[in-house]
Amino acid sequence: QVQLVESGGGLVQAGGSLRLSCAASGSISSFNSMGWYRQAPGKERELVASMSSVGRTNYADSAKGRFTISRDQNTVYLQMNSLKPEDTAVYYCKWTAGIIIYASGYWGQGTQVTVSS
């Protein structure tokens, strides 16, 4: 079992910044991936960014140039700059064993990000 605790969501004006954090604990394998997904009302959950334990990153096109994912061992961060109203969503942290973030894994409880225009 892996437990994920997220923090850092909130309300921000368009053009502003937020930093999300997610700390993993429990049965952590040394080879893993952590990432951030988001789900807006009426839309499917989508990958925003991920980073493996060996440093490989992956970004959605919508996140490139504005968001930066980083890790400090078992904590993953998402620095979000130049936020837009369309970034409004519940952001979920995910942990998977191995390097494939799309594989079955563990989810955080979600944190709301609201960007006002």
C-alpha atoms as a PDB file:
ATOM      1  CA  GLN A   1       0.000   0.000   0.000  1.00  0.00           C
ATOM      2  CA  VAL A   2       1.089   3.537  -0.806  1.00  0.00           C
ATOM      3  CA  GLN A   3      -0.441   6.599   0.789  1.00  0.00           C
ATOM      4  CA  LEU A   4      -0.415   9.976  -0.947  1.00  0.00           C
ATOM      5  CA  VAL A   5      -1.024  13.309   0.759  1.00  0.00           C
ATOM      6  CA  GLU A   6      -1.517  16.351  -1.444  1.00  0.00           C
ATOM      7  CA  SER A   7      -1.428  20.028  -0.621  1.00  0.00           C
ATOM      8  CA  GLY A   8      -1.173  23.403  -2.301  1.00  0.00           C
ATOM      9  CA  GLY A   9      -4.387  23.921  -4.206  1.00  0.00           C
ATOM     10  CA  GLY A  10      -6.461  27.064  -3.969  1.00  0.00           C
ATOM     11  CA  LEU A  11      -7.929  30.054  -5.729  1.00  0.00           C
ATOM     12  CA  VAL A  12      -5.733  32.253  -7.902  1.00  0.00           C
ATOM     13  CA  GLN A  13      -6.275  34.888 -10.552  1.00  0.00           C
ATOM     14  CA  ALA A  14      -5.396  34.239 -14.163  1.00  0.00           C
ATOM     15  CA  GLY A  15      -1.686  34.749 -14.721  1.00  0.00           C
ATOM     16  CA  GLY A  16      -0.876  33.716 -11.174  1.00  0.00           C
ATOM     17  CA  SER A  17       1.044  30.744  -9.818  1.00  0.00           C
ATOM     18  CA  LEU A  18       0.467  27.811  -7.505  1.00  0.00           C
ATOM     19  CA  ARG A  19       2.681  24.987  -6.284  1.00  0.00           C
ATOM     20  CA  LEU A  20       1.212  21.588  -5.554  1.00  0.00           C
ATOM     21  CA  SER A  21       2.939  19.016  -3.359  1.00  0.00           C
ATOM     22  CA  CYS A  22       2.351  15.302  -2.915  1.00  0.00           C
ATOM     23  CA  ALA A  23       4.151  13.145  -0.368  1.00  0.00           C
ATOM     24  CA  ALA A  24       4.162   9.364  -0.780  1.00  0.00           C
ATOM     25  CA  SER A  25       4.635   6.917   2.068  1.00  0.00           C
ATOM     26  CA  GLY A  26       4.235   3.203   2.683  1.00  0.00           C
ATOM     27  CA  SER A  27       5.513   0.379   0.492  1.00  0.00           C
ATOM     28  CA  ILE A  28       7.537   2.501  -1.903  1.00  0.00           C
ATOM     29  CA  SER A  29       9.554   0.656  -4.508  1.00  0.00           C
ATOM     30  CA  SER A  30      12.770   2.361  -5.536  1.00  0.00           C
ATOM     31  CA  PHE A  31      11.784   2.308  -9.218  1.00  0.00           C
ATOM     32  CA  ASN A  32       8.561   4.266  -9.645  1.00  0.00           C
ATOM     33  CA  SER A  33       6.754   7.167 -11.255  1.00  0.00           C
ATOM     34  CA  MET A  34       4.799  10.001  -9.731  1.00  0.00           C
ATOM     35  CA  GLY A  35       2.596  12.401 -11.565  1.00  0.00           C
ATOM     36  CA  TRP A  36      -0.280  14.813 -11.587  1.00  0.00           C
ATOM     37  CA  TYR A  37      -3.606  14.340 -13.303  1.00  0.00           C
ATOM     38  CA  ARG A  38      -6.524  16.737 -13.376  1.00  0.00           C
ATOM     39  CA  GLN A  39     -10.240  16.459 -13.892  1.00  0.00           C
ATOM     40  CA  ALA A  40     -12.477  19.375 -14.741  1.00  0.00           C
ATOM     41  CA  PRO A  41     -16.274  19.166 -14.364  1.00  0.00           C
ATOM     42  CA  GLY A  42     -17.796  17.113 -17.149  1.00  0.00           C
ATOM     43  CA  LYS A  43     -14.408  16.066 -18.506  1.00  0.00           C
ATOM     44  CA  GLU A  44     -12.260  12.982 -18.269  1.00  0.00           C
ATOM     45  CA  ARG A  45      -9.253  12.813 -15.996  1.00  0.00           C
ATOM     46  CA  GLU A  46      -6.116  13.709 -17.930  1.00  0.00           C
ATOM     47  CA  LEU A  47      -2.397  13.512 -17.291  1.00  0.00           C
ATOM     48  CA  VAL A  48      -0.734  16.873 -16.665  1.00  0.00           C
ATOM     49  CA  ALA A  49       2.856  15.835 -15.937  1.00  0.00           C
ATOM     50  CA  SER A  50       4.845  12.913 -14.585  1.00  0.00           C
ATOM     51  CA  MET A  51       8.356  12.150 -13.448  1.00  0.00           C
ATOM     52  CA  SER A  52      10.002   8.795 -12.901  1.00  0.00           C
ATOM     53  CA  SER A  53      12.459   7.961 -10.140  1.00  0.00           C
ATOM     54  CA  VAL A  54      15.236   8.138 -12.739  1.00  0.00           C
ATOM     55  CA  GLY A  55      14.268  11.650 -13.738  1.00  0.00           C
ATOM     56  CA  ARG A  56      12.338  11.100 -16.949  1.00  0.00           C
ATOM     57  CA  THR A  57       9.561  13.669 -17.354  1.00  0.00           C
ATOM     58  CA  ASN A  58       6.436  13.815 -19.456  1.00  0.00           C
ATOM     59  CA  TYR A  59       4.150  16.822 -19.950  1.00  0.00           C
ATOM     60  CA  ALA A  60       0.783  17.347 -21.552  1.00  0.00           C
ATOM     61  CA  ASP A  61       0.898  19.877 -24.371  1.00  0.00           C
ATOM     62  CA  SER A  62      -1.265  22.211 -22.293  1.00  0.00           C
ATOM     63  CA  ALA A  63       1.348  22.183 -19.513  1.00  0.00           C
ATOM     64  CA  LYS A  64       4.511  22.635 -21.552  1.00  0.00           C
ATOM     65  CA  GLY A  65       6.232  25.941 -20.918  1.00  0.00           C
ATOM     66  CA  ARG A  66       4.010  26.813 -17.951  1.00  0.00           C
ATOM     67  CA  PHE A  67       4.195  23.901 -15.514  1.00  0.00           C
ATOM     68  CA  THR A  68       7.270  22.234 -14.042  1.00  0.00           C
ATOM     69  CA  ILE A  69       7.294  18.903 -12.266  1.00  0.00           C
ATOM     70  CA  SER A  70      10.047  18.029  -9.810  1.00  0.00           C
ATOM     71  CA  ARG A  71      10.763  15.436  -7.156  1.00  0.00           C
ATOM     72  CA  ASP A  72      12.576  15.134  -3.885  1.00  0.00           C
ATOM     73  CA  GLN A  73      12.724  11.374  -3.333  1.00  0.00           C
ATOM     74  CA  ASN A  74       9.109  10.462  -2.516  1.00  0.00           C
ATOM     75  CA  THR A  75       7.607  13.930  -2.769  1.00  0.00           C
ATOM     76  CA  VAL A  76       6.522  15.337  -6.107  1.00  0.00           C
ATOM     77  CA  TYR A  77       5.859  18.983  -6.836  1.00  0.00           C
ATOM     78  CA  LEU A  78       4.019  20.752  -9.612  1.00  0.00           C
ATOM     79  CA  GLN A  79       4.907  24.397 -10.089  1.00  0.00           C
ATOM     80  CA  MET A  80       2.167  26.014 -12.128  1.00  0.00           C
ATOM     81  CA  ASN A  81       2.811  29.437 -13.634  1.00  0.00           C
ATOM     82  CA  SER A  82       0.781  31.629 -15.990  1.00  0.00           C
ATOM     83  CA  LEU A  83      -2.384  29.893 -14.879  1.00  0.00           C
ATOM     84  CA  LYS A  84      -5.455  30.139 -17.064  1.00  0.00           C
ATOM     85  CA  PRO A  85      -9.154  29.678 -16.231  1.00  0.00           C
ATOM     86  CA  GLU A  86      -9.087  26.445 -18.244  1.00  0.00           C
ATOM     87  CA  ASP A  87      -6.599  25.046 -15.724  1.00  0.00           C
ATOM     88  CA  THR A  88      -9.416  24.961 -13.171  1.00  0.00           C
ATOM     89  CA  ALA A  89      -9.848  21.359 -12.042  1.00  0.00           C
ATOM     90  CA  VAL A  90      -9.313  18.915  -9.234  1.00  0.00           C
ATOM     91  CA  TYR A  91      -5.670  17.861  -9.373  1.00  0.00           C
ATOM     92  CA  TYR A  92      -4.794  14.314  -8.356  1.00  0.00           C
ATOM     93  CA  CYS A  93      -1.405  12.894  -7.494  1.00  0.00           C
ATOM     94  CA  LYS A  94      -0.632   9.379  -8.694  1.00  0.00           C
ATOM     95  CA  TRP A  95       2.081   6.890  -7.824  1.00  0.00           C
ATOM     96  CA  THR A  96       2.928   3.812  -9.862  1.00  0.00           C
ATOM     97  CA  ALA A  97       5.597   1.153  -9.600  1.00  0.00           C
ATOM     98  CA  GLY A  98       7.873   1.249 -12.649  1.00  0.00           C
ATOM     99  CA  ILE A  99       8.155   4.027 -15.212  1.00  0.00           C
ATOM    100  CA  ILE A 100       4.722   3.837 -16.850  1.00  0.00           C
ATOM    101  CA  ILE A 101       2.542   6.461 -15.162  1.00  0.00           C
ATOM    102  CA  TYR A 102      -0.496   5.114 -17.029  1.00  0.00           C
ATOM    103  CA  ALA A 103      -0.229   1.753 -15.228  1.00  0.00           C
ATOM    104  CA  SER A 104      -2.384   0.864 -12.262  1.00  0.00           C
ATOM    105  CA  GLY A 105      -1.310   2.710  -9.137  1.00  0.00           C
ATOM    106  CA  TYR A 106      -2.342   4.738  -6.140  1.00  0.00           C
ATOM    107  CA  TRP A 107      -4.171   8.062  -6.076  1.00  0.00           C
ATOM    108  CA  GLY A 108      -4.263  10.998  -3.744  1.00  0.00           C
ATOM    109  CA  GLN A 109      -7.503  12.504  -2.526  1.00  0.00           C
ATOM    110  CA  GLY A 110      -7.325  15.444  -4.935  1.00  0.00           C
ATOM    111  CA  THR A 111      -6.843  19.153  -4.437  1.00  0.00           C
ATOM    112  CA  GLN A 112      -8.965  21.864  -6.027  1.00  0.00           C
ATOM    113  CA  VAL A 113      -7.322  24.481  -8.230  1.00  0.00           C
ATOM    114  CA  THR A 114      -9.541  27.369  -9.285  1.00  0.00           C
ATOM    115  CA  VAL A 115      -8.298  30.066 -11.646  1.00  0.00           C
ATOM    116  CA  SER A 116     -10.488  33.144 -11.913  1.00  0.00           C
ATOM    117  CA  SER A 117     -10.553  35.341 -14.997  1.00  0.00           C
END
